[in-house]
Structure formats: C-alpha cells, structure tokens
C-alpha cells in the first residue's frame, strides 16, 4: 500500500462507519491509530495512578530524610558535648547547694535576727523594733519578712544596709520609708524597712511528710 492509497483511505474514513464489535475488520490505518491511542492512554493512566504516587512518596521520603539528618546532627552534637553538659550540671548543682546553704533553717532564724540587731547597733542606730512578720509561702520557697524600725542619721542607714547585705545568709531589703524621728536632734531620722529572707520548701515538706507517717 503506497502513501497515496493510505492517504485516500484516511480521507474516506468515517468514525460512524466503524464496527466496534469487529475490530479485526478495520483497515490497517484505523487499527494502528487505535493502538497508538490505547498505548498513550495506558501510559497516561500509569503516570497519574502509579508514577505520580511514587513521585509523591519520593518527595515525602526526601523531606523525612532531611528531618532525620537534622535530628541526627542535633543528637550527635549532644553526644559529643555530653561530658561538658555533665560538668555544667555538676556546677549548677554545686551552686544550687551553695545557695541553699545560705537560706536559714527554722532553727537559724533567731541567729539571723541577732545578726541584724548587731548590724544595726554597729551602724550606731537606735533600735525601736525588729520582729518577724507572717510567713508567705510560695511553690518553691517561703518568705520570712522581718519588720525593722530604727532611728539614726542618714549615713548610718547606708552603713546598716551594707552590713545586712554582707551577712552570710540571703537577705533582701524592701519597702523602706524614711521620716523625721521627731526628736531634739534634727539630724535623726526614722527608718522603717522590711528585710526578707527565704527558706527552701523542700525542708518543710519533708517535715510534714515525716509527721504524717508518724501519725499513721
């Protein structure tokens, strides 16, 4: 069959005359065309139903690989610096223990009051009163407020504050009020200030727990 004859048959081809029940009787060009259409349809179907799915899985695997790489790098860095982390933890625990030792226990509060009294007298202050106020309990520690009422000159107050700051226990100063002392000496002033020290609640919790066990 030459090209001219093939061209004539394709020109005279009418899809309405196609016998779909007897494809074997189709002319060769029709069968070739149908086979090509079927072939490309199968390829397209494979792409959308199989290859596209594999492509999505591949993209997901690449993303997961990047995530795992980052996690591995982070963990590898931690392992490589494990000794350094342990050393830092030991230093933190040592510092924490040192701070805890600066917090007074119940039995040491009278000694703290005596130290504050000594600091006031050492600064040439006249003590009107130094007394404990109600405790304020928080989640991790308990505040022990100490109300201080003293009389003296302005520079003596500075010496007193410095002495309290230098005590071996943690003490913070709050809510100070300076007024005239209403005395014959015009240089005398009245200082009211709240000193706060702190107690770690772990100690009190242990005591409460032991008391409950004894009652049982």
Protein backbone atom coordinates (compact mmCIF):
# COMPACT_ATOMS: atom_id res chain seq x y z
CA UNK A 1 0.00 0.00 0.00
CA UNK A 2 1.60 3.29 -1.10
CA UNK A 3 1.31 6.62 0.69
CA UNK A 4 -1.28 7.96 -1.72
CA UNK A 5 -3.55 4.97 -1.15
CA UNK A 6 -3.12 5.28 2.63
CA UNK A 7 -3.96 8.96 2.44
CA UNK A 8 -7.10 8.23 0.43
CA UNK A 9 -8.27 5.65 2.95
CA UNK A 10 -7.70 8.01 5.86
CA UNK A 11 -9.60 10.75 4.00
CA UNK A 12 -12.53 8.46 3.39
CA UNK A 13 -12.53 7.15 6.98
CA UNK A 14 -15.74 7.92 8.88
CA UNK A 15 -15.93 7.07 12.57
CA UNK A 16 -19.66 6.46 12.23
CA UNK A 17 -18.92 3.54 9.91
CA UNK A 18 -16.64 1.86 12.44
CA UNK A 19 -17.73 -1.61 13.55
CA UNK A 20 -16.69 -1.61 17.22
CA UNK A 21 -17.74 -5.22 17.61
CA UNK A 22 -15.40 -6.45 14.85
CA UNK A 23 -12.15 -4.51 15.16
CA UNK A 24 -10.33 -7.10 13.09
CA UNK A 25 -12.18 -5.89 10.02
CA UNK A 26 -10.89 -2.34 10.46
CA UNK A 27 -8.48 -1.02 7.85
CA UNK A 28 -4.83 -1.02 8.88
CA UNK A 29 -4.60 2.76 9.49
CA UNK A 30 -7.57 2.61 11.85
CA UNK A 31 -6.09 -0.26 13.80
CA UNK A 32 -2.72 1.49 14.04
CA UNK A 33 -4.34 4.74 15.18
CA UNK A 34 -6.47 2.95 17.76
CA UNK A 35 -3.44 1.03 19.05
CA UNK A 36 -1.50 4.30 19.45
CA UNK A 37 -4.40 5.96 21.26
CA UNK A 38 -4.70 2.97 23.56
CA UNK A 39 -0.93 2.91 24.19
CA UNK A 40 -0.77 6.61 25.18
CA UNK A 41 -3.91 6.25 27.30
CA UNK A 42 -2.27 3.42 29.22
CA UNK A 43 0.90 5.47 29.70
CA UNK A 44 -1.11 8.45 30.93
CA UNK A 45 -3.05 6.24 33.34
CA UNK A 46 0.16 4.71 34.67
CA UNK A 47 1.59 8.18 35.27
CA UNK A 48 -1.38 9.51 37.20
CA UNK A 49 -2.20 6.32 39.10
CA UNK A 50 1.26 4.91 39.69
CA UNK A 51 4.17 7.15 38.75
CA UNK A 52 2.58 10.23 40.35
CA UNK A 53 2.05 8.27 43.56
CA UNK A 54 5.66 7.14 43.53
CA UNK A 55 6.77 10.72 42.92
CA UNK A 56 4.80 11.90 45.97
CA UNK A 57 6.33 9.12 48.08
CA UNK A 58 9.79 10.08 46.86
CA UNK A 59 9.23 13.74 47.77
CA UNK A 60 7.95 12.69 51.21
CA UNK A 61 10.98 10.44 51.70
CA UNK A 62 13.36 13.30 50.79
CA UNK A 63 11.65 15.59 53.34
CA UNK A 64 11.80 12.90 56.00
CA UNK A 65 15.46 12.30 55.23
CA UNK A 66 16.26 15.99 55.77
CA UNK A 67 14.40 15.93 59.11
CA UNK A 68 16.25 12.81 60.23
CA UNK A 69 19.57 14.36 59.22
CA UNK A 70 18.87 17.43 61.37
CA UNK A 71 17.83 15.24 64.31
CA UNK A 72 20.96 13.15 63.90
CA UNK A 73 23.16 16.27 63.82
CA UNK A 74 21.49 17.59 66.99
CA UNK A 75 21.86 14.28 68.83
CA UNK A 76 25.44 13.84 67.60
CA UNK A 77 26.27 17.33 68.91
CA UNK A 78 24.75 16.48 72.29
CA UNK A 79 26.67 13.21 72.50
CA UNK A 80 29.91 14.93 71.54
CA UNK A 81 29.33 17.52 74.29
CA UNK A 82 27.95 15.09 76.88
CA UNK A 83 30.99 15.45 79.13
CA UNK A 84 30.68 19.24 79.00
CA UNK A 85 26.96 19.04 79.84
CA UNK A 86 27.66 16.78 82.82
CA UNK A 87 30.29 19.20 84.08
CA UNK A 88 27.87 22.13 83.73
CA UNK A 89 25.20 20.14 85.58
CA UNK A 90 27.62 19.45 88.43
CA UNK A 91 28.50 23.15 88.61
CA UNK A 92 24.80 24.11 88.67
CA UNK A 93 24.09 21.57 91.42
CA UNK A 94 27.06 22.85 93.40
CA UNK A 95 25.90 26.48 93.00
CA UNK A 96 22.34 25.50 93.93
CA UNK A 97 23.58 23.69 97.01
CA UNK A 98 25.65 26.73 97.97
CA UNK A 99 22.59 28.97 97.68
CA UNK A 100 20.51 26.55 99.73
CA UNK A 101 23.11 26.67 102.49
CA UNK A 102 22.63 30.44 102.59
CA UNK A 103 18.92 30.04 103.30
CA UNK A 104 18.22 29.89 107.02
CA UNK A 105 16.53 26.90 108.59
CA UNK A 106 13.84 27.33 111.22
CA UNK A 107 16.40 26.90 113.99
CA UNK A 108 18.69 29.56 112.47
CA UNK A 109 16.13 32.41 112.29
CA UNK A 110 16.87 33.66 115.83
CA UNK A 111 20.56 33.84 114.92
CA UNK A 112 19.65 35.86 111.82
CA UNK A 113 17.63 38.30 113.93
CA UNK A 114 20.61 38.64 116.24
CA UNK A 115 22.90 39.33 113.24
CA UNK A 116 20.56 42.08 112.01
CA UNK A 117 20.44 43.56 115.50
CA UNK A 118 24.23 43.53 115.68
CA UNK A 119 24.41 45.21 112.24
CA UNK A 120 22.05 47.96 113.42
CA UNK A 121 23.99 48.59 116.63
CA UNK A 122 27.26 48.54 114.70
CA UNK A 123 25.90 51.32 112.48
CA UNK A 124 25.09 53.40 115.60
CA UNK A 125 21.34 53.05 115.10
CA UNK A 126 18.77 53.13 117.87
CA UNK A 127 16.55 50.06 117.56
CA UNK A 128 12.85 50.64 118.11
CA UNK A 129 11.81 47.15 116.98
CA UNK A 130 13.00 44.16 114.92
CA UNK A 131 10.37 41.44 114.65
CA UNK A 132 9.24 38.65 112.37
CA UNK A 133 6.07 39.05 110.31
CA UNK A 134 3.78 36.32 108.95
CA UNK A 135 5.42 33.88 106.56
CA UNK A 136 4.48 33.95 102.88
CA UNK A 137 4.63 30.51 101.27
CA UNK A 138 5.16 30.05 97.52
CA UNK A 139 5.60 26.92 95.41
CA UNK A 140 9.33 26.52 95.94
CA UNK A 141 10.23 28.70 98.91
CA UNK A 142 8.80 30.52 101.93
CA UNK A 143 9.40 34.22 102.56
CA UNK A 144 10.27 35.25 106.12
CA UNK A 145 9.59 39.01 106.41
CA UNK A 146 11.33 40.91 109.20
CA UNK A 147 10.00 44.38 110.05
CA UNK A 148 12.78 46.73 111.10
CA UNK A 149 12.21 50.11 112.78
CA UNK A 150 15.35 52.07 113.69
CA UNK A 151 16.43 55.65 114.33
CA UNK A 152 19.70 57.25 113.24
CA UNK A 153 21.38 59.59 110.82
CA UNK A 154 21.15 59.19 107.06
CA UNK A 155 24.71 57.92 106.50
CA UNK A 156 24.21 55.40 109.35
CA UNK A 157 21.39 53.85 107.34
CA UNK A 158 23.83 53.27 104.48
CA UNK A 159 26.26 51.50 106.80
CA UNK A 160 23.43 49.34 108.16
CA UNK A 161 22.22 48.32 104.69
CA UNK A 162 25.78 47.42 103.68
CA UNK A 163 26.21 45.31 106.81
CA UNK A 164 22.95 43.42 106.16
CA UNK A 165 23.97 42.82 102.55
CA UNK A 166 27.23 41.30 103.79
CA UNK A 167 25.57 38.72 106.05
CA UNK A 168 26.26 35.05 105.37
CA UNK A 169 22.55 34.43 104.73
CA UNK A 170 20.47 35.62 101.78
CA UNK A 171 18.59 38.74 102.91
CA UNK A 172 16.84 41.26 100.64
CA UNK A 173 15.55 44.68 101.70
CA UNK A 174 12.16 46.08 100.61
CA UNK A 175 9.61 48.86 101.19
CA UNK A 176 11.84 51.31 103.05
CA UNK A 177 10.37 54.52 104.47
CA UNK A 178 12.41 57.38 105.95
CA UNK A 179 10.68 60.06 108.02
CA UNK A 180 11.63 62.60 110.64
CA UNK A 181 12.39 60.98 114.01
CA UNK A 182 10.66 63.83 115.88
CA UNK A 183 13.48 64.17 118.37
CA UNK A 184 15.50 67.09 119.67
CA UNK A 185 18.30 66.15 117.25
CA UNK A 186 17.26 67.42 113.80
CA UNK A 187 19.71 65.04 112.10
CA UNK A 188 17.94 61.96 113.43
CA UNK A 189 15.66 60.11 111.05
CA UNK A 190 13.32 57.17 111.39
CA UNK A 191 13.87 54.23 109.01
CA UNK A 192 11.24 51.56 108.53
CA UNK A 193 12.27 48.74 106.22
CA UNK A 194 11.32 45.13 105.55
CA UNK A 195 14.11 42.56 105.37
CA UNK A 196 13.17 39.28 103.72
CA UNK A 197 14.97 36.00 103.99
CA UNK A 198 13.87 32.74 102.43
CA UNK A 199 13.53 29.08 103.29
CA UNK A 200 13.53 26.30 100.70
CA UNK A 201 10.21 24.47 100.91
CA UNK A 202 11.78 21.05 100.48
CA UNK A 203 12.74 21.05 104.13
CA UNK A 204 9.24 21.86 105.35
CA UNK A 205 7.69 19.28 103.03
CA UNK A 206 9.98 16.59 104.42
CA UNK A 207 8.94 17.50 107.95
CA UNK A 208 5.24 17.43 107.08
CA UNK A 209 5.66 14.08 105.35
CA UNK A 210 7.52 12.59 108.33
CA UNK A 211 4.82 13.88 110.73
CA UNK A 212 2.08 12.26 108.66
CA UNK A 213 3.97 8.97 108.65
CA UNK A 214 4.38 9.09 112.43
CA UNK A 215 0.65 9.69 112.92
CA UNK A 216 -0.13 6.64 110.80
